[in-house]
Amino acid sequence: MNSSLLFRRGIQQYSIRSFNNISSRFTSSSSSTTTKSPSESSPIDSELKNKITDFIKANKVAIFIKGEPNAPSCGFSNAVLQILKLHGCEFKSKNILEDVKLRETMKIYSNWPTFPQVYFNGEFVGGCDILLQMHQSGELVEELKKVGIQSKLSNLKNTAPSSSSSSSSN
């Protein structure tokens, strides 16, 4: 994973934690209560954690989405699916709406509060916003190549028609 992706992910996680801390100050009935991160407030079921880890590591691309790939229940999940399909990327998915325990555990497991969640070769990449940025910048083609996936978009070149190629008839 390159440094710009890690930097963006770090900034987003920091922003989310900061927002959660600020919002909890306004909603808390007592000013003496401290905000705990999700990993501190609830333990992860070790059996479920092992199943998640096995699923993520068994697939080059694993995604946790709202709904099914053929019927996403969320626009962000749909966007991630469309991006992966555009690149011709095979993936395995889990529907987090089917299992509340899985959904809550994934938030703790990844330290990422929203869905979809995308993993390449067992590493958390991010959500829809990060995948979209990677796609738009061309970085996704390179990241897929690193995990052994040839993107359908890797062979496309910017071929704008030039004025010299137009023929004139007199």
C-alpha atoms as a PDB file:
ATOM      1  CA  MET A   1       0.000   0.000   0.000  1.00  0.00           C
ATOM      2  CA  ASN A   2       1.519   3.314  -0.928  1.00  0.00           C
ATOM      3  CA  SER A   3       2.062   6.182   1.460  1.00  0.00           C
ATOM      4  CA  SER A   4      -0.556   8.532  -0.025  1.00  0.00           C
ATOM      5  CA  LEU A   5      -3.298   5.949   0.546  1.00  0.00           C
ATOM      6  CA  LEU A   6      -2.136   5.334   4.102  1.00  0.00           C
ATOM      7  CA  PHE A   7      -1.985   9.089   4.730  1.00  0.00           C
ATOM      8  CA  ARG A   8      -5.558   9.617   3.428  1.00  0.00           C
ATOM      9  CA  ARG A   9      -6.832   6.709   5.513  1.00  0.00           C
ATOM     10  CA  GLY A  10      -5.056   8.048   8.609  1.00  0.00           C
ATOM     11  CA  ILE A  11      -6.518  11.516   8.128  1.00  0.00           C
ATOM     12  CA  GLN A  12     -10.016  10.096   7.681  1.00  0.00           C
ATOM     13  CA  GLN A  13      -9.745   7.883  10.765  1.00  0.00           C
ATOM     14  CA  TYR A  14      -8.411  10.815  12.786  1.00  0.00           C
ATOM     15  CA  SER A  15     -11.287  12.998  11.550  1.00  0.00           C
ATOM     16  CA  ILE A  16     -13.874  10.364  12.443  1.00  0.00           C
ATOM     17  CA  ARG A  17     -12.411   9.897  15.942  1.00  0.00           C
ATOM     18  CA  SER A  18     -12.271  13.664  16.458  1.00  0.00           C
ATOM     19  CA  PHE A  19     -15.869  14.051  15.336  1.00  0.00           C
ATOM     20  CA  ASN A  20     -16.983  11.223  17.640  1.00  0.00           C
ATOM     21  CA  ASN A  21     -15.157  12.808  20.576  1.00  0.00           C
ATOM     22  CA  ILE A  22     -16.671  16.233  19.900  1.00  0.00           C
ATOM     23  CA  SER A  23     -20.187  14.905  19.371  1.00  0.00           C
ATOM     24  CA  SER A  24     -20.013  12.810  22.534  1.00  0.00           C
ATOM     25  CA  ARG A  25     -19.192  15.924  24.547  1.00  0.00           C
ATOM     26  CA  PHE A  26     -22.431  17.524  23.434  1.00  0.00           C
ATOM     27  CA  THR A  27     -24.578  14.433  23.940  1.00  0.00           C
ATOM     28  CA  SER A  28     -23.055  13.294  27.224  1.00  0.00           C
ATOM     29  CA  SER A  29     -25.086  13.997  30.365  1.00  0.00           C
ATOM     30  CA  SER A  30     -21.962  14.127  32.503  1.00  0.00           C
ATOM     31  CA  SER A  31     -18.830  16.062  31.656  1.00  0.00           C
ATOM     32  CA  SER A  32     -16.707  13.594  33.611  1.00  0.00           C
ATOM     33  CA  THR A  33     -17.381  10.633  31.298  1.00  0.00           C
ATOM     34  CA  THR A  34     -14.648   9.723  28.883  1.00  0.00           C
ATOM     35  CA  THR A  35     -15.176   8.506  25.377  1.00  0.00           C
ATOM     36  CA  LYS A  36     -13.868   5.041  24.623  1.00  0.00           C
ATOM     37  CA  SER A  37     -12.936   3.852  21.194  1.00  0.00           C
ATOM     38  CA  PRO A  38     -15.081   0.981  19.856  1.00  0.00           C
ATOM     39  CA  SER A  39     -12.273  -1.499  20.534  1.00  0.00           C
ATOM     40  CA  GLU A  40     -12.117  -0.429  24.184  1.00  0.00           C
ATOM     41  CA  SER A  41     -15.867  -0.388  24.787  1.00  0.00           C
ATOM     42  CA  SER A  42     -16.801  -3.845  23.511  1.00  0.00           C
ATOM     43  CA  PRO A  43     -14.674  -6.950  23.136  1.00  0.00           C
ATOM     44  CA  ILE A  44     -14.554  -8.801  19.843  1.00  0.00           C
ATOM     45  CA  ASP A  45     -15.905 -12.344  19.784  1.00  0.00           C
ATOM     46  CA  SER A  46     -12.728 -14.323  19.031  1.00  0.00           C
ATOM     47  CA  GLU A  47     -14.533 -16.980  16.988  1.00  0.00           C
ATOM     48  CA  LEU A  48     -16.163 -14.329  14.794  1.00  0.00           C
ATOM     49  CA  LYS A  49     -12.869 -12.436  14.523  1.00  0.00           C
ATOM     50  CA  ASN A  50     -11.178 -15.623  13.282  1.00  0.00           C
ATOM     51  CA  LYS A  51     -13.932 -16.181  10.697  1.00  0.00           C
ATOM     52  CA  ILE A  52     -13.567 -12.588   9.474  1.00  0.00           C
ATOM     53  CA  THR A  53      -9.778 -12.912   9.283  1.00  0.00           C
ATOM     54  CA  ASP A  54     -10.045 -16.211   7.389  1.00  0.00           C
ATOM     55  CA  PHE A  55     -12.541 -14.696   4.911  1.00  0.00           C
ATOM     56  CA  ILE A  56     -10.397 -11.615   4.305  1.00  0.00           C
ATOM     57  CA  LYS A  57      -7.159 -13.563   3.894  1.00  0.00           C
ATOM     58  CA  ALA A  58      -8.728 -16.223   1.659  1.00  0.00           C
ATOM     59  CA  ASN A  59      -9.701 -13.654  -0.983  1.00  0.00           C
ATOM     60  CA  LYS A  60      -7.552 -11.218  -2.954  1.00  0.00           C
ATOM     61  CA  VAL A  61     -10.415  -8.731  -2.747  1.00  0.00           C
ATOM     62  CA  ALA A  62     -12.952  -8.997   0.064  1.00  0.00           C
ATOM     63  CA  ILE A  63     -15.702  -6.475   0.667  1.00  0.00           C
ATOM     64  CA  PHE A  64     -18.266  -5.990   3.387  1.00  0.00           C
ATOM     65  CA  ILE A  65     -21.305  -4.295   1.909  1.00  0.00           C
ATOM     66  CA  LYS A  66     -24.913  -3.470   2.634  1.00  0.00           C
ATOM     67  CA  GLY A  67     -26.873  -5.911   0.515  1.00  0.00           C
ATOM     68  CA  GLU A  68     -25.788  -8.377  -2.125  1.00  0.00           C
ATOM     69  CA  PRO A  69     -23.616  -7.686  -5.187  1.00  0.00           C
ATOM     70  CA  ASN A  70     -26.623  -8.120  -7.499  1.00  0.00           C
ATOM     71  CA  ALA A  71     -28.860  -5.989  -5.227  1.00  0.00           C
ATOM     72  CA  PRO A  72     -26.913  -3.500  -3.084  1.00  0.00           C
ATOM     73  CA  SER A  73     -28.948  -1.766  -0.377  1.00  0.00           C
ATOM     74  CA  CYS A  74     -26.809   1.356  -0.254  1.00  0.00           C
ATOM     75  CA  GLY A  75     -25.503   3.828  -2.807  1.00  0.00           C
ATOM     76  CA  PHE A  76     -21.974   3.651  -1.401  1.00  0.00           C
ATOM     77  CA  SER A  77     -21.946  -0.152  -1.619  1.00  0.00           C
ATOM     78  CA  ASN A  78     -23.265   0.118  -5.164  1.00  0.00           C
ATOM     79  CA  ALA A  79     -20.493   2.585  -6.080  1.00  0.00           C
ATOM     80  CA  VAL A  80     -17.797   0.222  -4.765  1.00  0.00           C
ATOM     81  CA  LEU A  81     -19.338  -2.673  -6.692  1.00  0.00           C
ATOM     82  CA  GLN A  82     -19.465  -0.619  -9.896  1.00  0.00           C
ATOM     83  CA  ILE A  83     -15.822   0.455  -9.546  1.00  0.00           C
ATOM     84  CA  LEU A  84     -14.659  -3.125  -8.971  1.00  0.00           C
ATOM     85  CA  LYS A  85     -16.754  -4.383 -11.906  1.00  0.00           C
ATOM     86  CA  LEU A  86     -15.403  -1.606 -14.133  1.00  0.00           C
ATOM     87  CA  HIS A  87     -11.899  -2.895 -13.413  1.00  0.00           C
ATOM     88  CA  GLY A  88     -13.018  -6.490 -14.018  1.00  0.00           C
ATOM     89  CA  CYS A  89     -12.064  -7.351 -10.475  1.00  0.00           C
ATOM     90  CA  GLU A  90     -13.313 -10.581  -8.947  1.00  0.00           C
ATOM     91  CA  PHE A  91     -14.203 -10.284  -5.280  1.00  0.00           C
ATOM     92  CA  LYS A  92     -16.025 -12.015  -2.467  1.00  0.00           C
ATOM     93  CA  SER A  93     -18.519 -10.136  -0.357  1.00  0.00           C
ATOM     94  CA  LYS A  94     -20.391 -10.367   2.908  1.00  0.00           C
ATOM     95  CA  ASN A  95     -23.752  -8.711   3.492  1.00  0.00           C
ATOM     96  CA  ILE A  96     -23.434  -6.931   6.832  1.00  0.00           C
ATOM     97  CA  LEU A  97     -27.193  -6.296   6.982  1.00  0.00           C
ATOM     98  CA  GLU A  98     -27.860 -10.007   7.538  1.00  0.00           C
ATOM     99  CA  ASP A  99     -25.929 -10.154  10.795  1.00  0.00           C
ATOM    100  CA  VAL A 100     -25.908  -7.358  13.390  1.00  0.00           C
ATOM    101  CA  LYS A 101     -23.057  -9.008  15.288  1.00  0.00           C
ATOM    102  CA  LEU A 102     -20.919  -9.141  12.129  1.00  0.00           C
ATOM    103  CA  ARG A 103     -21.706  -5.491  11.357  1.00  0.00           C
ATOM    104  CA  GLU A 104     -20.729  -4.280  14.829  1.00  0.00           C
ATOM    105  CA  THR A 105     -17.654  -6.513  14.955  1.00  0.00           C
ATOM    106  CA  MET A 106     -16.424  -5.226  11.588  1.00  0.00           C
ATOM    107  CA  LYS A 107     -16.498  -1.646  12.890  1.00  0.00           C
ATOM    108  CA  ILE A 108     -14.171  -2.678  15.712  1.00  0.00           C
ATOM    109  CA  TYR A 109     -12.056  -5.070  13.613  1.00  0.00           C
ATOM    110  CA  SER A 110     -11.199  -2.419  11.028  1.00  0.00           C
ATOM    111  CA  ASN A 111     -11.459   0.627  13.287  1.00  0.00           C
ATOM    112  CA  TRP A 112     -13.672   2.039  10.525  1.00  0.00           C
ATOM    113  CA  PRO A 113     -17.267   2.923  11.448  1.00  0.00           C
ATOM    114  CA  THR A 114     -18.919   2.850   8.027  1.00  0.00           C
ATOM    115  CA  PHE A 115     -19.631   0.462   5.172  1.00  0.00           C
ATOM    116  CA  PRO A 116     -18.663  -0.671   2.631  1.00  0.00           C
ATOM    117  CA  GLN A 117     -15.243  -1.858   3.743  1.00  0.00           C
ATOM    118  CA  VAL A 118     -12.727  -3.040   1.140  1.00  0.00           C
ATOM    119  CA  TYR A 119      -9.743  -5.353   1.740  1.00  0.00           C
ATOM    120  CA  PHE A 120      -6.935  -6.238  -0.684  1.00  0.00           C
ATOM    121  CA  ASN A 121      -4.836  -9.298   0.194  1.00  0.00           C
ATOM    122  CA  GLY A 122      -5.934  -9.146   3.818  1.00  0.00           C
ATOM    123  CA  GLU A 123      -5.209  -5.418   4.228  1.00  0.00           C
ATOM    124  CA  PHE A 124      -7.918  -2.871   4.893  1.00  0.00           C
ATOM    125  CA  VAL A 125      -8.040  -0.322   2.066  1.00  0.00           C
ATOM    126  CA  GLY A 126     -10.968   1.835   3.136  1.00  0.00           C
ATOM    127  CA  GLY A 127     -14.483   2.627   2.066  1.00  0.00           C
ATOM    128  CA  CYS A 128     -16.222   4.061  -0.952  1.00  0.00           C
ATOM    129  CA  ASP A 129     -14.520   7.454  -0.801  1.00  0.00           C
ATOM    130  CA  ILE A 130     -11.014   6.005  -0.791  1.00  0.00           C
ATOM    131  CA  LEU A 131     -11.756   3.466  -3.528  1.00  0.00           C
ATOM    132  CA  LEU A 132     -13.295   6.234  -5.652  1.00  0.00           C
ATOM    133  CA  GLN A 133     -10.218   8.452  -5.169  1.00  0.00           C
ATOM    134  CA  MET A 134      -7.951   5.545  -6.069  1.00  0.00           C
ATOM    135  CA  HIS A 135     -10.016   4.853  -9.195  1.00  0.00           C
ATOM    136  CA  GLN A 136     -10.041   8.499 -10.299  1.00  0.00           C
ATOM    137  CA  SER A 137      -6.288   8.929  -9.773  1.00  0.00           C
ATOM    138  CA  GLY A 138      -5.380   5.654 -11.500  1.00  0.00           C
ATOM    139  CA  GLU A 139      -3.907   4.336  -8.257  1.00  0.00           C
ATOM    140  CA  LEU A 140      -6.436   1.488  -8.134  1.00  0.00           C
ATOM    141  CA  VAL A 141      -4.948  -0.096 -11.272  1.00  0.00           C
ATOM    142  CA  GLU A 142      -1.553  -0.202  -9.543  1.00  0.00           C
ATOM    143  CA  GLU A 143      -2.920  -1.510  -6.243  1.00  0.00           C
ATOM    144  CA  LEU A 144      -4.808  -4.284  -8.034  1.00  0.00           C
ATOM    145  CA  LYS A 145      -1.632  -5.185  -9.917  1.00  0.00           C
ATOM    146  CA  LYS A 146       0.196  -5.523  -6.565  1.00  0.00           C
ATOM    147  CA  VAL A 147      -2.312  -8.186  -5.476  1.00  0.00           C
ATOM    148  CA  GLY A 148      -2.079 -10.023  -8.793  1.00  0.00           C
ATOM    149  CA  ILE A 149      -5.179  -8.647 -10.523  1.00  0.00           C
ATOM    150  CA  GLN A 150      -4.942  -7.192 -14.027  1.00  0.00           C
ATOM    151  CA  SER A 151      -7.416  -4.318 -14.278  1.00  0.00           C
ATOM    152  CA  LYS A 152      -9.428  -4.016 -17.486  1.00  0.00           C
ATOM    153  CA  LEU A 153      -8.479  -0.337 -17.410  1.00  0.00           C
ATOM    154  CA  SER A 154      -4.723  -0.918 -17.291  1.00  0.00           C
ATOM    155  CA  ASN A 155      -4.410  -1.133 -21.076  1.00  0.00           C
ATOM    156  CA  LEU A 156      -6.442   1.971 -21.827  1.00  0.00           C
ATOM    157  CA  LYS A 157      -4.477   4.917 -23.052  1.00  0.00           C
ATOM    158  CA  ASN A 158      -5.557   8.489 -23.406  1.00  0.00           C
ATOM    159  CA  THR A 159      -6.224   8.464 -27.117  1.00  0.00           C
ATOM    160  CA  ALA A 160      -7.802  11.766 -28.011  1.00  0.00           C
ATOM    161  CA  PRO A 161      -8.153  12.318 -31.734  1.00  0.00           C
ATOM    162  CA  SER A 162      -5.533  14.694 -33.063  1.00  0.00           C
ATOM    163  CA  SER A 163      -6.132  17.381 -35.667  1.00  0.00           C
ATOM    164  CA  SER A 164      -3.438  15.950 -37.943  1.00  0.00           C
ATOM    165  CA  SER A 165      -5.289  12.659 -38.330  1.00  0.00           C
ATOM    166  CA  SER A 166      -8.363  14.247 -39.836  1.00  0.00           C
ATOM    167  CA  SER A 167      -8.531  14.072 -43.598  1.00  0.00           C
ATOM    168  CA  SER A 168      -9.786  16.852 -45.771  1.00  0.00           C
ATOM    169  CA  SER A 169     -11.589  16.370 -49.059  1.00  0.00           C
ATOM    170  CA  ASN A 170     -11.128  19.014 -51.728  1.00  0.00           C
END
